[in-house]
C-alpha cells in the first residue's frame, strides 16, 4: 500500500530505500516559486538512528504495516535481551542494537511494547515513565529543597541521572524514559 509524503504524520511507518522508518515529525514547507516539500525527522527501526530528510510533496512510499504487542522483559544474557509475550508466553530475544537506549531504564519484569514487521521483531517501546530505585547517591543534607539544585544518582539499572538534593539511597523515583530525566519521588525507603 502506497502512502504519500503529504500524509506523513508522527507514528506512520514507511519503507524508504528498502529500510523501515518511523516518521517522528513531518512539516510541509512551501517556498516562493519552487515546489513544496516535506521536511521530516525519521527513525530507522532496526538501528534506532534518527535522520532529518526532505521529500518532494506528493512523493509516494510503501507503507510498512507493523504490529505492536505487549511483552515483558525477563533478563539480559550478554548482548541478548529476552522478552516474553504476556499472552502466549513465547520468548523472543533482541540484541542490544534493537533494544537501544531502552536498556537504560529496563529492569526485570518491565512491561514493553514490541514492534513487529512481517513477523520479525524490530524494536521495543517503553512506557513514557518508569519507577526505579536509587542505589547510590550522596546523602541528602537537612534543609535541602526541591529547588535547591541537583546531584547524580545511580539507579538499579546502572543508569546515572540527575536528581534533587533531597533524594537518598533506597528512594524510588519516576523517570521519563524519553528524556532520561527525574520526574518525582514515588516513595522513600
C-alpha atoms as a PDB file:
ATOM      1  CA  UNK A   1       0.000   0.000   0.000  1.00  0.00           C
ATOM      2  CA  UNK A   2       1.497   3.344  -1.040  1.00  0.00           C
ATOM      3  CA  UNK A   3       1.395   6.453   1.121  1.00  0.00           C
ATOM      4  CA  UNK A   4       2.116  10.000   0.007  1.00  0.00           C
ATOM      5  CA  UNK A   5       4.532  12.273   1.867  1.00  0.00           C
ATOM      6  CA  UNK A   6       1.537  14.633   2.227  1.00  0.00           C
ATOM      7  CA  UNK A   7       0.032  12.011   4.581  1.00  0.00           C
ATOM      8  CA  UNK A   8       3.136  11.688   6.778  1.00  0.00           C
ATOM      9  CA  UNK A   9       2.219  12.001  10.462  1.00  0.00           C
ATOM     10  CA  UNK A  10       4.138  11.038  13.607  1.00  0.00           C
ATOM     11  CA  UNK A  11       3.982   7.271  14.150  1.00  0.00           C
ATOM     12  CA  UNK A  12       3.496   6.290  10.478  1.00  0.00           C
ATOM     13  CA  UNK A  13       5.919   3.612   9.295  1.00  0.00           C
ATOM     14  CA  UNK A  14       7.219   3.564   5.711  1.00  0.00           C
ATOM     15  CA  UNK A  15       9.770   1.700   3.621  1.00  0.00           C
ATOM     16  CA  UNK A  16      12.432   4.042   2.209  1.00  0.00           C
ATOM     17  CA  UNK A  17      15.300   2.599   0.154  1.00  0.00           C
ATOM     18  CA  UNK A  18      14.333  -0.898   1.349  1.00  0.00           C
ATOM     19  CA  UNK A  19      14.561   0.033   5.048  1.00  0.00           C
ATOM     20  CA  UNK A  20      11.765   0.572   7.582  1.00  0.00           C
ATOM     21  CA  UNK A  21      11.445   4.037   9.121  1.00  0.00           C
ATOM     22  CA  UNK A  22       9.006   5.616  11.554  1.00  0.00           C
ATOM     23  CA  UNK A  23       8.021   9.241  10.987  1.00  0.00           C
ATOM     24  CA  UNK A  24       8.754  11.295  14.131  1.00  0.00           C
ATOM     25  CA  UNK A  25       7.964  14.726  12.684  1.00  0.00           C
ATOM     26  CA  UNK A  26       6.657  15.962   9.346  1.00  0.00           C
ATOM     27  CA  UNK A  27       6.363  19.582   8.281  1.00  0.00           C
ATOM     28  CA  UNK A  28       5.006  20.754   4.925  1.00  0.00           C
ATOM     29  CA  UNK A  29       7.091  23.610   3.502  1.00  0.00           C
ATOM     30  CA  UNK A  30       6.173  25.778   0.507  1.00  0.00           C
ATOM     31  CA  UNK A  31       8.887  28.044  -0.787  1.00  0.00           C
ATOM     32  CA  UNK A  32       8.309  31.047  -3.070  1.00  0.00           C
ATOM     33  CA  UNK A  33       8.446  29.770  -6.647  1.00  0.00           C
ATOM     34  CA  UNK A  34       9.652  26.233  -6.156  1.00  0.00           C
ATOM     35  CA  UNK A  35       7.536  23.217  -5.395  1.00  0.00           C
ATOM     36  CA  UNK A  36       6.504  22.244  -1.916  1.00  0.00           C
ATOM     37  CA  UNK A  37       8.442  19.686   0.061  1.00  0.00           C
ATOM     38  CA  UNK A  38       8.035  17.781   3.311  1.00  0.00           C
ATOM     39  CA  UNK A  39      10.731  18.207   5.961  1.00  0.00           C
ATOM     40  CA  UNK A  40      10.851  15.130   8.207  1.00  0.00           C
ATOM     41  CA  UNK A  41      12.624  13.520  11.112  1.00  0.00           C
ATOM     42  CA  UNK A  42      12.531   9.753  10.655  1.00  0.00           C
ATOM     43  CA  UNK A  43      13.803   6.910  12.840  1.00  0.00           C
ATOM     44  CA  UNK A  44      15.325   3.755  11.360  1.00  0.00           C
ATOM     45  CA  UNK A  45      13.520   0.959  13.197  1.00  0.00           C
ATOM     46  CA  UNK A  46      16.397  -1.525  13.133  1.00  0.00           C
ATOM     47  CA  UNK A  47      19.283   0.736  14.155  1.00  0.00           C
ATOM     48  CA  UNK A  48      17.410   3.481  16.017  1.00  0.00           C
ATOM     49  CA  UNK A  49      19.239   6.199  14.051  1.00  0.00           C
ATOM     50  CA  UNK A  50      17.251   9.406  13.600  1.00  0.00           C
ATOM     51  CA  UNK A  51      17.631  11.277  10.310  1.00  0.00           C
ATOM     52  CA  UNK A  52      16.396  14.609   9.044  1.00  0.00           C
ATOM     53  CA  UNK A  53      15.350  14.288   5.419  1.00  0.00           C
ATOM     54  CA  UNK A  54      13.375  16.311   2.887  1.00  0.00           C
ATOM     55  CA  UNK A  55      10.989  14.744   0.366  1.00  0.00           C
ATOM     56  CA  UNK A  56       9.062  16.224  -2.556  1.00  0.00           C
ATOM     57  CA  UNK A  57       5.428  16.860  -1.701  1.00  0.00           C
ATOM     58  CA  UNK A  58       3.320  14.044  -3.118  1.00  0.00           C
ATOM     59  CA  UNK A  59       6.216  11.575  -3.377  1.00  0.00           C
ATOM     60  CA  UNK A  60       4.956   8.068  -2.577  1.00  0.00           C
ATOM     61  CA  UNK A  61       6.456   5.278  -0.479  1.00  0.00           C
ATOM     62  CA  UNK A  62       5.265   1.855   0.547  1.00  0.00           C
ATOM     63  CA  UNK A  63       3.657   1.898   3.967  1.00  0.00           C
ATOM     64  CA  UNK A  64       5.160  -0.647   6.348  1.00  0.00           C
ATOM     65  CA  UNK A  65       2.479  -2.434   8.318  1.00  0.00           C
ATOM     66  CA  UNK A  66       3.762  -3.016  11.844  1.00  0.00           C
ATOM     67  CA  UNK A  67       2.179  -4.879  14.705  1.00  0.00           C
ATOM     68  CA  UNK A  68       2.581  -3.879  18.355  1.00  0.00           C
ATOM     69  CA  UNK A  69       2.195  -6.499  21.082  1.00  0.00           C
ATOM     70  CA  UNK A  70       2.701  -6.375  24.851  1.00  0.00           C
ATOM     71  CA  UNK A  71       5.808  -8.152  26.143  1.00  0.00           C
ATOM     72  CA  UNK A  72       7.611  -8.401  29.472  1.00  0.00           C
ATOM     73  CA  UNK A  73      11.381  -8.059  29.899  1.00  0.00           C
ATOM     74  CA  UNK A  74      12.700 -11.240  31.552  1.00  0.00           C
ATOM     75  CA  UNK A  75      16.501 -10.980  31.673  1.00  0.00           C
ATOM     76  CA  UNK A  76      19.689  -9.981  29.878  1.00  0.00           C
ATOM     77  CA  UNK A  77      22.297 -12.546  28.923  1.00  0.00           C
ATOM     78  CA  UNK A  78      25.404 -10.949  27.462  1.00  0.00           C
ATOM     79  CA  UNK A  79      24.348  -8.908  24.423  1.00  0.00           C
ATOM     80  CA  UNK A  80      20.886 -10.519  24.250  1.00  0.00           C
ATOM     81  CA  UNK A  81      17.711  -9.290  25.945  1.00  0.00           C
ATOM     82  CA  UNK A  82      14.972 -11.882  26.470  1.00  0.00           C
ATOM     83  CA  UNK A  83      11.284 -10.884  26.427  1.00  0.00           C
ATOM     84  CA  UNK A  84       8.094 -12.903  26.956  1.00  0.00           C
ATOM     85  CA  UNK A  85       4.766 -12.417  25.180  1.00  0.00           C
ATOM     86  CA  UNK A  86       2.319 -11.721  28.024  1.00  0.00           C
ATOM     87  CA  UNK A  87      -0.487 -13.603  26.238  1.00  0.00           C
ATOM     88  CA  UNK A  88       1.196 -16.679  24.713  1.00  0.00           C
ATOM     89  CA  UNK A  89       4.305 -16.876  26.972  1.00  0.00           C
ATOM     90  CA  UNK A  90       6.509 -17.216  23.860  1.00  0.00           C
ATOM     91  CA  UNK A  91      10.014 -15.825  24.339  1.00  0.00           C
ATOM     92  CA  UNK A  92      11.840 -13.528  21.926  1.00  0.00           C
ATOM     93  CA  UNK A  93      15.477 -12.382  22.081  1.00  0.00           C
ATOM     94  CA  UNK A  94      16.648  -8.997  20.818  1.00  0.00           C
ATOM     95  CA  UNK A  95      20.221  -7.760  20.580  1.00  0.00           C
ATOM     96  CA  UNK A  96      21.419  -4.566  22.246  1.00  0.00           C
ATOM     97  CA  UNK A  97      21.201  -2.634  18.950  1.00  0.00           C
ATOM     98  CA  UNK A  98      17.471  -3.427  18.666  1.00  0.00           C
ATOM     99  CA  UNK A  99      16.835  -2.544  22.320  1.00  0.00           C
ATOM    100  CA  UNK A 100      18.881   0.663  22.122  1.00  0.00           C
ATOM    101  CA  UNK A 101      18.617   3.223  24.939  1.00  0.00           C
ATOM    102  CA  UNK A 102      15.592   1.413  26.385  1.00  0.00           C
ATOM    103  CA  UNK A 103      18.102  -0.838  28.184  1.00  0.00           C
ATOM    104  CA  UNK A 104      18.987   2.100  30.443  1.00  0.00           C
ATOM    105  CA  UNK A 105      15.539   2.023  32.052  1.00  0.00           C
ATOM    106  CA  UNK A 106      14.532  -1.661  31.956  1.00  0.00           C
ATOM    107  CA  UNK A 107      14.582  -3.902  34.969  1.00  0.00           C
ATOM    108  CA  UNK A 108      13.324  -7.474  35.091  1.00  0.00           C
ATOM    109  CA  UNK A 109       9.533  -7.508  34.801  1.00  0.00           C
ATOM    110  CA  UNK A 110       9.240  -4.213  32.896  1.00  0.00           C
ATOM    111  CA  UNK A 111       6.250  -4.234  30.525  1.00  0.00           C
ATOM    112  CA  UNK A 112       7.133  -3.053  26.996  1.00  0.00           C
ATOM    113  CA  UNK A 113       5.526  -2.939  23.564  1.00  0.00           C
ATOM    114  CA  UNK A 114       7.382  -4.962  20.936  1.00  0.00           C
ATOM    115  CA  UNK A 115       7.089  -3.771  17.333  1.00  0.00           C
ATOM    116  CA  UNK A 116       6.976  -6.445  14.582  1.00  0.00           C
ATOM    117  CA  UNK A 117       7.115  -6.220  10.787  1.00  0.00           C
ATOM    118  CA  UNK A 118       6.186  -9.349   8.834  1.00  0.00           C
ATOM    119  CA  UNK A 119       6.609 -11.432  11.992  1.00  0.00           C
ATOM    120  CA  UNK A 120      10.123 -10.145  12.736  1.00  0.00           C
ATOM    121  CA  UNK A 121      10.749  -8.155  15.935  1.00  0.00           C
ATOM    122  CA  UNK A 122      12.205  -4.724  15.157  1.00  0.00           C
ATOM    123  CA  UNK A 123      12.332  -2.743  18.377  1.00  0.00           C
ATOM    124  CA  UNK A 124      10.685  -2.141  21.729  1.00  0.00           C
ATOM    125  CA  UNK A 125       8.817   0.851  23.080  1.00  0.00           C
ATOM    126  CA  UNK A 126       8.992   1.633  26.798  1.00  0.00           C
ATOM    127  CA  UNK A 127       6.240   3.260  28.826  1.00  0.00           C
ATOM    128  CA  UNK A 128       6.788   7.044  28.995  1.00  0.00           C
ATOM    129  CA  UNK A 129       7.755   6.780  32.677  1.00  0.00           C
ATOM    130  CA  UNK A 130       9.235   4.019  34.844  1.00  0.00           C
ATOM    131  CA  UNK A 131       9.836   3.710  38.581  1.00  0.00           C
ATOM    132  CA  UNK A 132      13.373   2.781  39.617  1.00  0.00           C
ATOM    133  CA  UNK A 133      15.164   2.527  42.955  1.00  0.00           C
ATOM    134  CA  UNK A 134      18.160   4.751  43.755  1.00  0.00           C
ATOM    135  CA  UNK A 135      21.103   2.506  44.727  1.00  0.00           C
ATOM    136  CA  UNK A 136      23.887   5.068  45.017  1.00  0.00           C
ATOM    137  CA  UNK A 137      23.977   8.834  45.628  1.00  0.00           C
ATOM    138  CA  UNK A 138      25.480  11.360  48.010  1.00  0.00           C
ATOM    139  CA  UNK A 139      23.456  11.668  51.216  1.00  0.00           C
ATOM    140  CA  UNK A 140      20.877  14.438  51.437  1.00  0.00           C
ATOM    141  CA  UNK A 141      21.554  17.305  53.817  1.00  0.00           C
ATOM    142  CA  UNK A 142      18.937  18.670  56.213  1.00  0.00           C
ATOM    143  CA  UNK A 143      17.318  21.745  54.691  1.00  0.00           C
ATOM    144  CA  UNK A 144      17.740  20.673  51.049  1.00  0.00           C
ATOM    145  CA  UNK A 145      14.706  21.562  48.949  1.00  0.00           C
ATOM    146  CA  UNK A 146      13.421  20.602  45.530  1.00  0.00           C
ATOM    147  CA  UNK A 147      14.521  23.956  44.111  1.00  0.00           C
ATOM    148  CA  UNK A 148      17.980  23.766  45.648  1.00  0.00           C
ATOM    149  CA  UNK A 149      19.915  22.036  42.875  1.00  0.00           C
ATOM    150  CA  UNK A 150      20.677  18.509  41.798  1.00  0.00           C
ATOM    151  CA  UNK A 151      23.157  15.686  42.209  1.00  0.00           C
ATOM    152  CA  UNK A 152      23.938  12.450  40.324  1.00  0.00           C
ATOM    153  CA  UNK A 153      22.180   9.252  41.410  1.00  0.00           C
ATOM    154  CA  UNK A 154      22.775   5.692  40.209  1.00  0.00           C
ATOM    155  CA  UNK A 155      19.590   3.703  39.613  1.00  0.00           C
ATOM    156  CA  UNK A 156      19.064  -0.046  39.980  1.00  0.00           C
ATOM    157  CA  UNK A 157      19.575  -0.491  36.212  1.00  0.00           C
ATOM    158  CA  UNK A 158      23.033   1.115  36.453  1.00  0.00           C
ATOM    159  CA  UNK A 159      21.915   4.346  34.765  1.00  0.00           C
ATOM    160  CA  UNK A 160      23.028   7.646  36.332  1.00  0.00           C
ATOM    161  CA  UNK A 161      20.588  10.577  36.266  1.00  0.00           C
ATOM    162  CA  UNK A 162      20.387  13.978  37.963  1.00  0.00           C
ATOM    163  CA  UNK A 163      18.022  14.116  40.961  1.00  0.00           C
ATOM    164  CA  UNK A 164      17.124  16.793  43.548  1.00  0.00           C
ATOM    165  CA  UNK A 165      19.341  17.050  46.621  1.00  0.00           C
ATOM    166  CA  UNK A 166      16.713  15.523  48.959  1.00  0.00           C
ATOM    167  CA  UNK A 167      16.773  12.106  47.186  1.00  0.00           C
ATOM    168  CA  UNK A 168      18.511   9.363  49.192  1.00  0.00           C
ATOM    169  CA  UNK A 169      19.654   5.773  48.615  1.00  0.00           C
ATOM    170  CA  UNK A 170      16.599   3.500  48.704  1.00  0.00           C
ATOM    171  CA  UNK A 171      14.176   6.110  47.345  1.00  0.00           C
ATOM    172  CA  UNK A 172      12.078   5.090  44.357  1.00  0.00           C
ATOM    173  CA  UNK A 173      11.921   7.748  41.657  1.00  0.00           C
ATOM    174  CA  UNK A 174       9.836   8.126  38.495  1.00  0.00           C
ATOM    175  CA  UNK A 175      11.966   8.746  35.382  1.00  0.00           C
ATOM    176  CA  UNK A 176      10.849   9.953  31.929  1.00  0.00           C
ATOM    177  CA  UNK A 177      12.163   7.292  29.517  1.00  0.00           C
ATOM    178  CA  UNK A 178      12.121   9.700  26.544  1.00  0.00           C
ATOM    179  CA  UNK A 179      14.461  12.255  28.129  1.00  0.00           C
ATOM    180  CA  UNK A 180      16.095  10.297  30.963  1.00  0.00           C
ATOM    181  CA  UNK A 181      15.055  12.973  33.452  1.00  0.00           C
ATOM    182  CA  UNK A 182      13.810  12.727  37.002  1.00  0.00           C
ATOM    183  CA  UNK A 183      10.047  13.383  37.345  1.00  0.00           C
ATOM    184  CA  UNK A 184       9.247  12.801  41.016  1.00  0.00           C
ATOM    185  CA  UNK A 185       9.993  10.752  44.109  1.00  0.00           C
ATOM    186  CA  UNK A 186       7.480   7.926  44.459  1.00  0.00           C
ATOM    187  CA  UNK A 187       8.377   6.646  47.910  1.00  0.00           C
ATOM    188  CA  UNK A 188      11.229   6.582  50.403  1.00  0.00           C
ATOM    189  CA  UNK A 189      12.939   3.590  51.950  1.00  0.00           C
END
